[in-house]
Amino acid sequence: MTVDPRFYAPLGALTLGQVAELTGAVLDGESDLPVTGIASAANAQKGDLAFLDGDGKTAPEISANAGIFIINEANRKYVPDSSSTLVVRFPRHAHAVAALSMYRPRHLEWTGEARISPDAQVHEGAIVSPGAVVGPGAVIGEGTWIGPNVSIGPGVQIGRHCQIGANASVFCALVGDHVTLLAGARIGETGFGVLAAPDGQRDAPHFGRVILQDHVTIGANTCIDRGVFEDTILGERTKIDNLCQIAHNVVFGRSVVMAAFGGISGSVRVGNQSMLGGRVGIADHVEVGEGVSLAASSGLFRNVEDRETWGGTPAKPIRQWMREVAWLQKQANPKKNS
C-alpha cells in the first residue's frame, strides 16, 4: 500500500529487526530485511508490513505479494512458507506501533498563525469566509465557497464550484467538483477502530483517505471516516442526508441515496443507485448490490443481490418481512381478528 504523503509524513523505512525491538515481537526472518510500507494483509505489496490477528478460526484474505507479517500463534498456519514473521500476543497493536514509527499525520504538525497557509493554493476565484483556516499543501479550486469557521486540513484537495458549509472540517480527503458539504459535516476523521493492547483498549491509527467524487452532497453534521489503510469512497452524485455515520473503508457507488440517521459499518460496499431509508443500519463487510432499496429502520446483516427490496431487523426480502409482521399482528390480537 502507498500511504499518501500529502496527508502522512514519511519518517523513513525500518528493518525487521527494528520492528521486533519496537514491539517486543519474536523474529523469524532476516533482521536487516527492509520494511518500506504498511498495509492490510489483503492488499500488501512487497516490503509492506501486514498483520494477522484474531482466533485463527477463519482463513484471512492474503495478497499474493505479501511477505512480511506480524502475527499471533493462532494465525501462524496461514502465513506463506517464504514469508518473514514477527510473533506477538497483540499483532494489530504491534503493527500500529510500527506504522506510527514510519508515518505521522500531517495535521498533527500543523502550526503557525496564518489563517491561510502560505503553502496552500487557493484559486483567486474561490472565497474563504471569516474564521476559516486552510492548511499547508491544501488546494481549493475555482468558484469554491469555504464557509465561516471551516477547517481545511493539510494536503486536502477541493475541486471547483464546491460549497463547504459553516463549521465543517475536512482532513485527509480528495474532494471533486460541485461537491456540497452542509454545516458541521466531518470529513476524514479516524473511524471507530479499537485494538487490544497490553494495557487495554486503544484507538487504531488510520492511514487512508476519503474520496468524494463529483456532485456528491453530504448533509449537516454527517461524519465520513477515512480508511484505515484503503480509502473511504463515495461515488458521483451520491447524496447523504443529515446526521449520518459512514465508517472507515466504506465504498458507495454512483447516485446512492441515504436518508437521515443511517449508520454504515466499516468496509461495507453499496452498489450504484441504491436507496437507504432513514435510520438504516448495515453491519460491517456486508455487500449491497446495485439498485437495492432498504426500508426505513432496516438492520442489514447479510449481502443483498441487485435490485432487491428489503426491510425489517434483521432485514429480509420486503414481502417476507411484511408477511411476518402481518402474522405477528394476528397472533398478538386474536380477538380483534376473529
C-alpha atoms as a PDB file:
ATOM      1  CA  MET A   1       0.000   0.000   0.000  1.00  0.00           C
ATOM      2  CA  THR A   2       1.178   3.505  -0.827  1.00  0.00           C
ATOM      3  CA  VAL A   3       0.444   5.915   2.015  1.00  0.00           C
ATOM      4  CA  ASP A   4      -0.415   9.354   0.582  1.00  0.00           C
ATOM      5  CA  PRO A   5       2.444  11.707   1.546  1.00  0.00           C
ATOM      6  CA  ARG A   6       0.137  14.729   1.250  1.00  0.00           C
ATOM      7  CA  PHE A   7      -1.548  13.579   4.461  1.00  0.00           C
ATOM      8  CA  TYR A   8       1.045  11.418   6.205  1.00  0.00           C
ATOM      9  CA  ALA A   9       4.661  12.472   6.512  1.00  0.00           C
ATOM     10  CA  PRO A  10       7.083   9.581   5.854  1.00  0.00           C
ATOM     11  CA  LEU A  11       9.530   9.138   8.728  1.00  0.00           C
ATOM     12  CA  GLY A  12      11.684   6.550   6.988  1.00  0.00           C
ATOM     13  CA  ALA A  13      11.773   2.804   6.493  1.00  0.00           C
ATOM     14  CA  LEU A  14      12.575   0.316   9.254  1.00  0.00           C
ATOM     15  CA  THR A  15      14.267  -3.048   9.283  1.00  0.00           C
ATOM     16  CA  LEU A  16      12.545  -6.169  10.517  1.00  0.00           C
ATOM     17  CA  GLY A  17      14.927  -6.196  13.471  1.00  0.00           C
ATOM     18  CA  GLN A  18      13.959  -2.637  14.386  1.00  0.00           C
ATOM     19  CA  VAL A  19      10.269  -3.559  14.266  1.00  0.00           C
ATOM     20  CA  ALA A  20      10.955  -6.509  16.565  1.00  0.00           C
ATOM     21  CA  GLU A  21      12.751  -4.221  19.001  1.00  0.00           C
ATOM     22  CA  LEU A  22       9.929  -1.644  18.933  1.00  0.00           C
ATOM     23  CA  THR A  23       7.188  -4.212  19.503  1.00  0.00           C
ATOM     24  CA  GLY A  24       8.875  -6.876  21.602  1.00  0.00           C
ATOM     25  CA  ALA A  25       7.954  -9.496  18.985  1.00  0.00           C
ATOM     26  CA  VAL A  26       9.824 -12.746  18.341  1.00  0.00           C
ATOM     27  CA  LEU A  27      11.575 -12.506  14.988  1.00  0.00           C
ATOM     28  CA  ASP A  28      11.542 -15.324  12.439  1.00  0.00           C
ATOM     29  CA  GLY A  29      13.421 -13.944   9.451  1.00  0.00           C
ATOM     30  CA  GLU A  30      16.317 -11.705   8.449  1.00  0.00           C
ATOM     31  CA  SER A  31      16.754  -8.847  10.906  1.00  0.00           C
ATOM     32  CA  ASP A  32      18.071  -6.493   8.202  1.00  0.00           C
ATOM     33  CA  LEU A  33      15.113  -7.052   5.856  1.00  0.00           C
ATOM     34  CA  PRO A  34      13.730  -3.594   4.946  1.00  0.00           C
ATOM     35  CA  VAL A  35      10.147  -2.743   5.874  1.00  0.00           C
ATOM     36  CA  THR A  36       9.133   0.047   3.488  1.00  0.00           C
ATOM     37  CA  GLY A  37       5.377   0.364   3.987  1.00  0.00           C
ATOM     38  CA  ILE A  38       2.260  -0.731   5.871  1.00  0.00           C
ATOM     39  CA  ALA A  39      -0.879  -2.428   4.614  1.00  0.00           C
ATOM     40  CA  SER A  40      -3.687  -4.831   5.342  1.00  0.00           C
ATOM     41  CA  ALA A  41      -2.888  -8.461   4.606  1.00  0.00           C
ATOM     42  CA  ALA A  42      -5.372  -8.449   1.715  1.00  0.00           C
ATOM     43  CA  ASN A  43      -3.624  -5.611  -0.132  1.00  0.00           C
ATOM     44  CA  ALA A  44       0.013  -5.792   0.968  1.00  0.00           C
ATOM     45  CA  GLN A  45       2.782  -5.427  -1.604  1.00  0.00           C
ATOM     46  CA  LYS A  46       6.451  -6.322  -1.459  1.00  0.00           C
ATOM     47  CA  GLY A  47       8.098  -4.625   1.526  1.00  0.00           C
ATOM     48  CA  ASP A  48       4.799  -3.863   3.273  1.00  0.00           C
ATOM     49  CA  LEU A  49       4.257  -4.915   6.864  1.00  0.00           C
ATOM     50  CA  ALA A  50       0.889  -6.667   7.317  1.00  0.00           C
ATOM     51  CA  PHE A  51      -0.786  -8.225  10.343  1.00  0.00           C
ATOM     52  CA  LEU A  52      -2.956 -11.259  11.092  1.00  0.00           C
ATOM     53  CA  ASP A  53      -4.959 -11.090  14.299  1.00  0.00           C
ATOM     54  CA  GLY A  54      -7.859 -12.960  15.874  1.00  0.00           C
ATOM     55  CA  ASP A  55      -8.501 -16.544  16.926  1.00  0.00           C
ATOM     56  CA  GLY A  56      -7.369 -18.106  13.653  1.00  0.00           C
ATOM     57  CA  LYS A  57     -10.635 -19.969  13.065  1.00  0.00           C
ATOM     58  CA  THR A  58     -11.294 -18.222   9.748  1.00  0.00           C
ATOM     59  CA  ALA A  59      -8.727 -18.096   6.947  1.00  0.00           C
ATOM     60  CA  PRO A  60      -7.848 -14.451   6.206  1.00  0.00           C
ATOM     61  CA  GLU A  61      -7.535 -12.937   2.746  1.00  0.00           C
ATOM     62  CA  ILE A  62      -3.826 -12.581   1.973  1.00  0.00           C
ATOM     63  CA  SER A  63      -2.273 -10.812  -1.006  1.00  0.00           C
ATOM     64  CA  ALA A  64      -0.013 -12.931  -3.192  1.00  0.00           C
ATOM     65  CA  ASN A  65       2.614 -10.171  -2.850  1.00  0.00           C
ATOM     66  CA  ALA A  66       2.584 -10.047   0.951  1.00  0.00           C
ATOM     67  CA  GLY A  67       5.785 -11.284   2.543  1.00  0.00           C
ATOM     68  CA  ILE A  68       6.209  -9.645   5.970  1.00  0.00           C
ATOM     69  CA  PHE A  69       3.731 -10.340   8.779  1.00  0.00           C
ATOM     70  CA  ILE A  70       3.102  -9.554  12.418  1.00  0.00           C
ATOM     71  CA  ILE A  71       1.029 -12.451  13.744  1.00  0.00           C
ATOM     72  CA  ASN A  72      -0.075 -14.328  16.831  1.00  0.00           C
ATOM     73  CA  GLU A  73       0.348 -18.068  17.220  1.00  0.00           C
ATOM     74  CA  ALA A  74      -3.253 -18.770  16.181  1.00  0.00           C
ATOM     75  CA  ASN A  75      -2.612 -17.370  12.699  1.00  0.00           C
ATOM     76  CA  ARG A  76       0.824 -18.855  12.024  1.00  0.00           C
ATOM     77  CA  LYS A  77      -0.747 -21.615   9.889  1.00  0.00           C
ATOM     78  CA  TYR A  78      -1.963 -19.072   7.333  1.00  0.00           C
ATOM     79  CA  VAL A  79       1.391 -17.414   6.663  1.00  0.00           C
ATOM     80  CA  PRO A  80       3.094 -18.457   3.397  1.00  0.00           C
ATOM     81  CA  ASP A  81       6.261 -20.501   3.976  1.00  0.00           C
ATOM     82  CA  SER A  82       8.520 -17.972   2.256  1.00  0.00           C
ATOM     83  CA  SER A  83       7.406 -15.078   4.490  1.00  0.00           C
ATOM     84  CA  SER A  84       9.215 -13.354   7.322  1.00  0.00           C
ATOM     85  CA  THR A  85       7.249 -13.142  10.548  1.00  0.00           C
ATOM     86  CA  LEU A  86       7.115 -11.392  13.881  1.00  0.00           C
ATOM     87  CA  VAL A  87       5.143 -13.222  16.558  1.00  0.00           C
ATOM     88  CA  VAL A  88       3.480 -11.267  19.360  1.00  0.00           C
ATOM     89  CA  ARG A  89       0.391 -11.529  21.559  1.00  0.00           C
ATOM     90  CA  PHE A  90      -1.304  -8.406  20.140  1.00  0.00           C
ATOM     91  CA  PRO A  91      -0.453  -8.236  16.412  1.00  0.00           C
ATOM     92  CA  ARG A  92      -2.650  -5.290  15.477  1.00  0.00           C
ATOM     93  CA  HIS A  93      -1.253  -3.190  18.293  1.00  0.00           C
ATOM     94  CA  ALA A  94       2.312  -4.086  17.292  1.00  0.00           C
ATOM     95  CA  HIS A  95       1.504  -3.201  13.690  1.00  0.00           C
ATOM     96  CA  ALA A  96       0.172   0.193  14.817  1.00  0.00           C
ATOM     97  CA  VAL A  97       3.356   0.869  16.817  1.00  0.00           C
ATOM     98  CA  ALA A  98       5.478   0.152  13.748  1.00  0.00           C
ATOM     99  CA  ALA A  99       3.194   2.211  11.488  1.00  0.00           C
ATOM    100  CA  LEU A 100       3.391   5.287  13.713  1.00  0.00           C
ATOM    101  CA  SER A 101       7.175   4.972  13.645  1.00  0.00           C
ATOM    102  CA  MET A 102       7.071   5.173   9.834  1.00  0.00           C
ATOM    103  CA  TYR A 103       4.350   7.795   9.223  1.00  0.00           C
ATOM    104  CA  ARG A 104       2.956  10.815  11.056  1.00  0.00           C
ATOM    105  CA  PRO A 105      -0.358  12.507  10.144  1.00  0.00           C
ATOM    106  CA  ARG A 106       0.491  15.963   8.819  1.00  0.00           C
ATOM    107  CA  HIS A 107      -2.450  17.640  10.549  1.00  0.00           C
ATOM    108  CA  LEU A 108      -0.737  16.856  13.863  1.00  0.00           C
ATOM    109  CA  GLU A 109       2.195  19.013  12.672  1.00  0.00           C
ATOM    110  CA  TRP A 110       0.028  21.931  11.508  1.00  0.00           C
ATOM    111  CA  THR A 111       1.348  25.052  13.241  1.00  0.00           C
ATOM    112  CA  GLY A 112       1.626  28.759  12.534  1.00  0.00           C
ATOM    113  CA  GLU A 113      -0.618  31.766  12.900  1.00  0.00           C
ATOM    114  CA  ALA A 114      -1.558  32.237   9.239  1.00  0.00           C
ATOM    115  CA  ARG A 115      -5.268  31.641   8.610  1.00  0.00           C
ATOM    116  CA  ILE A 116      -4.460  30.512   5.081  1.00  0.00           C
ATOM    117  CA  SER A 117      -1.112  28.753   4.928  1.00  0.00           C
ATOM    118  CA  PRO A 118       1.380  30.324   2.510  1.00  0.00           C
ATOM    119  CA  ASP A 119       1.905  26.784   1.193  1.00  0.00           C
ATOM    120  CA  ALA A 120      -1.780  26.395   0.257  1.00  0.00           C
ATOM    121  CA  GLN A 121      -3.090  27.034  -3.254  1.00  0.00           C
ATOM    122  CA  VAL A 122      -6.380  28.920  -3.231  1.00  0.00           C
ATOM    123  CA  HIS A 123      -7.772  29.922  -6.630  1.00  0.00           C
ATOM    124  CA  GLU A 124      -8.345  33.646  -6.983  1.00  0.00           C
ATOM    125  CA  GLY A 125     -11.992  32.901  -7.792  1.00  0.00           C
ATOM    126  CA  ALA A 126     -12.536  30.973  -4.552  1.00  0.00           C
ATOM    127  CA  ILE A 127     -13.991  32.556  -1.413  1.00  0.00           C
ATOM    128  CA  VAL A 128     -12.671  31.791   2.069  1.00  0.00           C
ATOM    129  CA  SER A 129     -15.066  33.181   4.693  1.00  0.00           C
ATOM    130  CA  PRO A 130     -14.105  34.744   8.039  1.00  0.00           C
ATOM    131  CA  GLY A 131     -12.779  32.313  10.607  1.00  0.00           C
ATOM    132  CA  ALA A 132     -11.974  29.568   8.105  1.00  0.00           C
ATOM    133  CA  VAL A 133      -8.466  28.074   8.088  1.00  0.00           C
ATOM    134  CA  VAL A 134      -6.618  26.328   5.264  1.00  0.00           C
ATOM    135  CA  GLY A 135      -3.623  24.116   5.964  1.00  0.00           C
ATOM    136  CA  PRO A 136      -0.301  23.786   4.148  1.00  0.00           C
ATOM    137  CA  GLY A 137      -0.398  21.962   0.838  1.00  0.00           C
ATOM    138  CA  ALA A 138      -4.187  22.270   0.551  1.00  0.00           C
ATOM    139  CA  VAL A 139      -5.689  23.154  -2.846  1.00  0.00           C
ATOM    140  CA  ILE A 140      -9.034  24.947  -3.348  1.00  0.00           C
ATOM    141  CA  GLY A 141     -10.441  25.229  -6.861  1.00  0.00           C
ATOM    142  CA  GLU A 142     -12.123  27.971  -8.840  1.00  0.00           C
ATOM    143  CA  GLY A 143     -15.535  29.164  -7.672  1.00  0.00           C
ATOM    144  CA  THR A 144     -15.488  27.201  -4.420  1.00  0.00           C
ATOM    145  CA  TRP A 145     -17.001  28.773  -1.303  1.00  0.00           C
ATOM    146  CA  ILE A 146     -15.491  27.947   2.085  1.00  0.00           C
ATOM    147  CA  GLY A 147     -17.919  28.908   4.864  1.00  0.00           C
ATOM    148  CA  PRO A 148     -17.209  30.552   8.215  1.00  0.00           C
ATOM    149  CA  ASN A 149     -15.058  28.635  10.695  1.00  0.00           C
ATOM    150  CA  VAL A 150     -14.335  25.773   8.305  1.00  0.00           C
ATOM    151  CA  SER A 151     -11.130  23.752   8.805  1.00  0.00           C
ATOM    152  CA  ILE A 152      -9.400  22.505   5.646  1.00  0.00           C
ATOM    153  CA  GLY A 153      -6.525  20.267   6.698  1.00  0.00           C
ATOM    154  CA  PRO A 154      -3.034  19.942   5.233  1.00  0.00           C
ATOM    155  CA  GLY A 155      -2.899  18.433   1.759  1.00  0.00           C
ATOM    156  CA  VAL A 156      -6.681  18.392   1.241  1.00  0.00           C
ATOM    157  CA  GLN A 157      -7.721  18.847  -2.397  1.00  0.00           C
ATOM    158  CA  ILE A 158     -11.066  20.551  -3.084  1.00  0.00           C
ATOM    159  CA  GLY A 159     -12.246  20.933  -6.662  1.00  0.00           C
ATOM    160  CA  ARG A 160     -14.163  23.643  -8.499  1.00  0.00           C
ATOM    161  CA  HIS A 161     -17.528  25.156  -7.573  1.00  0.00           C
ATOM    162  CA  CYS A 162     -17.860  23.358  -4.254  1.00  0.00           C
ATOM    163  CA  GLN A 163     -19.735  24.634  -1.199  1.00  0.00           C
ATOM    164  CA  ILE A 164     -18.289  23.842   2.218  1.00  0.00           C
ATOM    165  CA  GLY A 165     -20.773  24.849   4.933  1.00  0.00           C
ATOM    166  CA  ALA A 166     -20.050  26.677   8.167  1.00  0.00           C
ATOM    167  CA  ASN A 167     -18.064  24.816  10.833  1.00  0.00           C
ATOM    168  CA  ALA A 168     -17.363  21.817   8.591  1.00  0.00           C
ATOM    169  CA  SER A 169     -13.968  20.124   8.781  1.00  0.00           C
ATOM    170  CA  VAL A 170     -12.146  18.285   6.006  1.00  0.00           C
ATOM    171  CA  PHE A 171      -8.994  16.241   6.622  1.00  0.00           C
ATOM    172  CA  CYS A 172      -7.164  13.572   4.634  1.00  0.00           C
ATOM    173  CA  ALA A 173      -9.610  13.952   1.748  1.00  0.00           C
ATOM    174  CA  LEU A 174      -9.804  14.423  -2.004  1.00  0.00           C
ATOM    175  CA  VAL A 175     -12.977  16.283  -2.993  1.00  0.00           C
ATOM    176  CA  GLY A 176     -14.179  16.537  -6.595  1.00  0.00           C
ATOM    177  CA  ASP A 177     -16.052  19.323  -8.413  1.00  0.00           C
ATOM    178  CA  HIS A 178     -19.527  20.621  -7.477  1.00  0.00           C
ATOM    179  CA  VAL A 179     -19.443  18.890  -4.095  1.00  0.00           C
ATOM    180  CA  THR A 180     -21.630  20.252  -1.276  1.00  0.00           C
ATOM    181  CA  LEU A 181     -20.869  19.770   2.419  1.00  0.00           C
ATOM    182  CA  LEU A 182     -23.547  21.238   4.666  1.00  0.00           C
ATOM    183  CA  ALA A 183     -22.824  22.880   8.018  1.00  0.00           C
ATOM    184  CA  GLY A 184     -20.942  20.817  10.561  1.00  0.00           C
ATOM    185  CA  ALA A 185     -20.029  17.923   8.267  1.00  0.00           C
ATOM    186  CA  ARG A 186     -16.962  15.976   9.398  1.00  0.00           C
ATOM    187  CA  ILE A 187     -14.885  14.510   6.599  1.00  0.00           C
ATOM    188  CA  GLY A 188     -11.780  12.393   7.157  1.00  0.00           C
ATOM    189  CA  GLU A 189     -11.714  11.830  10.901  1.00  0.00           C
ATOM    190  CA  THR A 190     -10.484   8.490  12.222  1.00  0.00           C
ATOM    191  CA  GLY A 191     -13.105   5.769  12.419  1.00  0.00           C
ATOM    192  CA  PHE A 192     -14.169   3.675  15.396  1.00  0.00           C
ATOM    193  CA  GLY A 193     -11.216   1.333  15.172  1.00  0.00           C
ATOM    194  CA  VAL A 194     -10.343  -0.138  18.554  1.00  0.00           C
ATOM    195  CA  LEU A 195      -7.488  -2.571  19.110  1.00  0.00           C
ATOM    196  CA  ALA A 196      -6.387  -4.694  22.042  1.00  0.00           C
ATOM    197  CA  ALA A 197      -3.069  -3.694  23.604  1.00  0.00           C
ATOM    198  CA  PRO A 198      -1.083  -4.935  26.600  1.00  0.00           C
ATOM    199  CA  ASP A 199      -2.527  -2.118  28.729  1.00  0.00           C
ATOM    200  CA  GLY A 200      -6.116  -2.354  27.452  1.00  0.00           C
ATOM    201  CA  GLN A 201      -8.077  -0.912  24.518  1.00  0.00           C
ATOM    202  CA  ARG A 202      -6.502   1.691  22.248  1.00  0.00           C
ATOM    203  CA  ASP A 203      -7.592   3.697  19.215  1.00  0.00           C
ATOM    204  CA  ALA A 204      -6.301   2.254  15.943  1.00  0.00           C
ATOM    205  CA  PRO A 205      -4.416   4.748  13.765  1.00  0.00           C
ATOM    206  CA  HIS A 206      -5.851   5.377  10.289  1.00  0.00           C
ATOM    207  CA  PHE A 207      -3.675   5.960   7.213  1.00  0.00           C
ATOM    208  CA  GLY A 208      -6.287   6.058   4.446  1.00  0.00           C
ATOM    209  CA  ARG A 209      -8.268   8.858   2.836  1.00  0.00           C
ATOM    210  CA  VAL A 210     -11.805   9.951   1.986  1.00  0.00           C
ATOM    211  CA  ILE A 211     -12.607  10.412  -1.695  1.00  0.00           C
ATOM    212  CA  LEU A 212     -15.762  12.348  -2.592  1.00  0.00           C
ATOM    213  CA  GLN A 213     -16.385  12.281  -6.316  1.00  0.00           C
ATOM    214  CA  ASP A 214     -18.120  14.988  -8.380  1.00  0.00           C
ATOM    215  CA  HIS A 215     -21.579  16.286  -7.393  1.00  0.00           C
ATOM    216  CA  VAL A 216     -21.653  14.481  -4.031  1.00  0.00           C
ATOM    217  CA  THR A 217     -23.760  16.100  -1.289  1.00  0.00           C
ATOM    218  CA  ILE A 218     -23.131  15.487   2.417  1.00  0.00           C
ATOM    219  CA  GLY A 219     -25.758  16.610   4.935  1.00  0.00           C
ATOM    220  CA  ALA A 220     -25.324  18.682   8.072  1.00  0.00           C
ATOM    221  CA  ASN A 221     -23.433  17.025  10.929  1.00  0.00           C
ATOM    222  CA  THR A 222     -22.801  13.858   8.946  1.00  0.00           C
ATOM    223  CA  CYS A 223     -19.487  12.069   9.523  1.00  0.00           C
ATOM    224  CA  ILE A 224     -17.470  10.288   6.818  1.00  0.00           C
ATOM    225  CA  ASP A 225     -14.471   8.492   8.355  1.00  0.00           C
ATOM    226  CA  ARG A 226     -11.239   7.970   6.466  1.00  0.00           C
ATOM    227  CA  GLY A 227      -9.989   4.472   5.735  1.00  0.00           C
ATOM    228  CA  VAL A 228      -7.618   2.500   7.926  1.00  0.00           C
ATOM    229  CA  PHE A 229      -5.308   1.540   5.052  1.00  0.00           C
ATOM    230  CA  GLU A 230      -7.532   1.765   1.964  1.00  0.00           C
ATOM    231  CA  ASP A 231      -9.895   4.651   1.114  1.00  0.00           C
ATOM    232  CA  THR A 232     -13.479   5.510   2.006  1.00  0.00           C
ATOM    233  CA  ILE A 233     -15.117   6.376  -1.329  1.00  0.00           C
ATOM    234  CA  LEU A 234     -18.441   7.984  -2.265  1.00  0.00           C
ATOM    235  CA  GLY A 235     -19.222   7.821  -5.982  1.00  0.00           C
ATOM    236  CA  GLU A 236     -20.506  10.561  -8.274  1.00  0.00           C
ATOM    237  CA  ARG A 237     -23.844  12.175  -7.402  1.00  0.00           C
ATOM    238  CA  THR A 238     -24.261  10.234  -4.175  1.00  0.00           C
ATOM    239  CA  LYS A 239     -26.488  12.126  -1.742  1.00  0.00           C
ATOM    240  CA  ILE A 240     -26.220  11.701   2.032  1.00  0.00           C
ATOM    241  CA  ASP A 241     -28.763  13.266   4.403  1.00  0.00           C
ATOM    242  CA  ASN A 242     -28.120  14.988   7.745  1.00  0.00           C
ATOM    243  CA  LEU A 243     -26.860  13.143  10.823  1.00  0.00           C
ATOM    244  CA  CYS A 244     -25.497  10.025   9.143  1.00  0.00           C
ATOM    245  CA  GLN A 245     -22.396   7.998  10.018  1.00  0.00           C
ATOM    246  CA  ILE A 246     -20.278   6.298   7.345  1.00  0.00           C
ATOM    247  CA  ALA A 247     -17.373   4.316   8.763  1.00  0.00           C
ATOM    248  CA  HIS A 248     -13.855   3.597   7.514  1.00  0.00           C
ATOM    249  CA  ASN A 249     -13.239   1.762   4.223  1.00  0.00           C
ATOM    250  CA  VAL A 250     -16.862   2.026   3.070  1.00  0.00           C
ATOM    251  CA  VAL A 251     -17.377   2.270  -0.704  1.00  0.00           C
ATOM    252  CA  PHE A 252     -20.595   3.718  -2.165  1.00  0.00           C
ATOM    253  CA  GLY A 253     -21.203   3.572  -5.895  1.00  0.00           C
ATOM    254  CA  ARG A 254     -22.726   6.318  -8.042  1.00  0.00           C
ATOM    255  CA  SER A 255     -26.039   8.027  -7.211  1.00  0.00           C
ATOM    256  CA  VAL A 256     -26.564   6.262  -3.883  1.00  0.00           C
ATOM    257  CA  VAL A 257     -29.177   7.998  -1.694  1.00  0.00           C
ATOM    258  CA  MET A 258     -29.073   7.694   2.112  1.00  0.00           C
ATOM    259  CA  ALA A 259     -31.695   9.252   4.397  1.00  0.00           C
ATOM    260  CA  ALA A 260     -31.090  10.703   7.862  1.00  0.00           C
ATOM    261  CA  PHE A 261     -29.849   8.874  10.963  1.00  0.00           C
ATOM    262  CA  GLY A 262     -28.306   5.985   8.980  1.00  0.00           C
ATOM    263  CA  GLY A 263     -25.219   4.140  10.183  1.00  0.00           C
ATOM    264  CA  ILE A 264     -22.892   2.215   7.868  1.00  0.00           C
ATOM    265  CA  SER A 265     -20.263  -0.013   9.493  1.00  0.00           C
ATOM    266  CA  GLY A 266     -16.712  -0.488   8.253  1.00  0.00           C
ATOM    267  CA  SER A 267     -15.850  -1.988   4.830  1.00  0.00           C
ATOM    268  CA  VAL A 268     -19.456  -2.077   3.564  1.00  0.00           C
ATOM    269  CA  ARG A 269     -19.990  -1.939  -0.213  1.00  0.00           C
ATOM    270  CA  VAL A 270     -23.146  -0.339  -1.655  1.00  0.00           C
ATOM    271  CA  GLY A 271     -23.821  -0.516  -5.392  1.00  0.00           C
ATOM    272  CA  ASN A 272     -24.879   2.197  -7.824  1.00  0.00           C
ATOM    273  CA  GLN A 273     -28.312   3.830  -7.419  1.00  0.00           C
ATOM    274  CA  SER A 274     -29.205   2.041  -4.204  1.00  0.00           C
ATOM    275  CA  MET A 275     -31.541   3.783  -1.762  1.00  0.00           C
ATOM    276  CA  LEU A 276     -31.195   3.543   2.021  1.00  0.00           C
ATOM    277  CA  GLY A 277     -34.172   4.719   4.093  1.00  0.00           C
ATOM    278  CA  GLY A 278     -33.968   6.694   7.305  1.00  0.00           C
ATOM    279  CA  ARG A 279     -32.268   5.055  10.288  1.00  0.00           C
ATOM    280  CA  VAL A 280     -30.938   2.148   8.226  1.00  0.00           C
ATOM    281  CA  GLY A 281     -28.032   0.277   9.803  1.00  0.00           C
ATOM    282  CA  ILE A 282     -25.657  -2.030   7.919  1.00  0.00           C
ATOM    283  CA  ALA A 283     -23.217  -4.399   9.647  1.00  0.00           C
ATOM    284  CA  ASP A 284     -19.534  -4.467   8.737  1.00  0.00           C
ATOM    285  CA  HIS A 285     -18.290  -6.086   5.486  1.00  0.00           C
ATOM    286  CA  VAL A 286     -21.814  -6.503   4.063  1.00  0.00           C
ATOM    287  CA  GLU A 287     -22.158  -6.089   0.276  1.00  0.00           C
ATOM    288  CA  VAL A 288     -25.268  -4.405  -1.139  1.00  0.00           C
ATOM    289  CA  GLY A 289     -25.889  -4.744  -4.870  1.00  0.00           C
ATOM    290  CA  GLU A 290     -26.942  -2.148  -7.427  1.00  0.00           C
ATOM    291  CA  GLY A 291     -30.418  -0.626  -7.368  1.00  0.00           C
ATOM    292  CA  VAL A 292     -31.239  -2.047  -3.929  1.00  0.00           C
ATOM    293  CA  SER A 293     -33.837  -0.419  -1.673  1.00  0.00           C
ATOM    294  CA  LEU A 294     -33.710  -0.774   2.121  1.00  0.00           C
ATOM    295  CA  ALA A 295     -36.830   0.287   4.022  1.00  0.00           C
ATOM    296  CA  ALA A 296     -36.565   2.769   6.881  1.00  0.00           C
ATOM    297  CA  SER A 297     -35.106   1.375  10.129  1.00  0.00           C
ATOM    298  CA  SER A 298     -33.828  -1.778   8.428  1.00  0.00           C
ATOM    299  CA  GLY A 299     -30.961  -3.585  10.132  1.00  0.00           C
ATOM    300  CA  LEU A 300     -28.942  -5.429   7.496  1.00  0.00           C
ATOM    301  CA  PHE A 301     -26.565  -8.247   8.422  1.00  0.00           C
ATOM    302  CA  ARG A 302     -26.098 -10.131   5.130  1.00  0.00           C
ATOM    303  CA  ASN A 303     -25.431  -9.460   1.462  1.00  0.00           C
ATOM    304  CA  VAL A 304     -28.206  -8.319  -0.885  1.00  0.00           C
ATOM    305  CA  GLU A 305     -28.352  -9.036  -4.622  1.00  0.00           C
ATOM    306  CA  ASP A 306     -29.006  -6.374  -7.280  1.00  0.00           C
ATOM    307  CA  ARG A 307     -32.406  -4.640  -7.473  1.00  0.00           C
ATOM    308  CA  GLU A 308     -33.915  -6.273  -4.388  1.00  0.00           C
ATOM    309  CA  THR A 309     -36.042  -4.505  -1.759  1.00  0.00           C
ATOM    310  CA  TRP A 310     -35.542  -5.490   1.883  1.00  0.00           C
ATOM    311  CA  GLY A 311     -36.888  -4.331   5.240  1.00  0.00           C
ATOM    312  CA  GLY A 312     -37.005  -5.181   8.931  1.00  0.00           C
ATOM    313  CA  THR A 313     -34.431  -6.189  11.536  1.00  0.00           C
ATOM    314  CA  PRO A 314     -32.779  -8.468  10.764  1.00  0.00           C
ATOM    315  CA  ALA A 315     -33.526  -7.294   7.224  1.00  0.00           C
ATOM    316  CA  LYS A 316     -35.035  -9.730   4.720  1.00  0.00           C
ATOM    317  CA  PRO A 317     -36.892  -9.505   1.390  1.00  0.00           C
ATOM    318  CA  ILE A 318     -39.712  -6.992   1.813  1.00  0.00           C
ATOM    319  CA  ARG A 319     -42.629  -9.332   1.075  1.00  0.00           C
ATOM    320  CA  GLN A 320     -41.350 -11.928   3.545  1.00  0.00           C
ATOM    321  CA  TRP A 321     -40.917  -9.247   6.196  1.00  0.00           C
ATOM    322  CA  MET A 322     -44.438  -7.864   5.617  1.00  0.00           C
ATOM    323  CA  ARG A 323     -45.984 -11.346   5.832  1.00  0.00           C
ATOM    324  CA  GLU A 324     -44.189 -11.964   9.130  1.00  0.00           C
ATOM    325  CA  VAL A 325     -45.357  -8.610  10.525  1.00  0.00           C
ATOM    326  CA  ALA A 326     -48.963  -9.350   9.493  1.00  0.00           C
ATOM    327  CA  TRP A 327     -48.843 -12.835  11.067  1.00  0.00           C
ATOM    328  CA  LEU A 328     -47.398 -11.439  14.300  1.00  0.00           C
ATOM    329  CA  GLN A 329     -50.167  -8.842  14.491  1.00  0.00           C
ATOM    330  CA  LYS A 330     -52.786 -11.548  14.129  1.00  0.00           C
ATOM    331  CA  GLN A 331     -51.183 -13.644  16.871  1.00  0.00           C
ATOM    332  CA  ALA A 332     -50.929 -10.656  19.197  1.00  0.00           C
ATOM    333  CA  ASN A 333     -54.574  -9.634  18.656  1.00  0.00           C
ATOM    334  CA  PRO A 334     -56.559 -12.864  18.172  1.00  0.00           C
ATOM    335  CA  LYS A 335     -59.912 -11.405  19.352  1.00  0.00           C
ATOM    336  CA  LYS A 336     -59.651  -8.378  17.106  1.00  0.00           C
ATOM    337  CA  ASN A 337     -59.049 -10.601  14.077  1.00  0.00           C
ATOM    338  CA  SER A 338     -61.745 -13.249  14.838  1.00  0.00           C
END
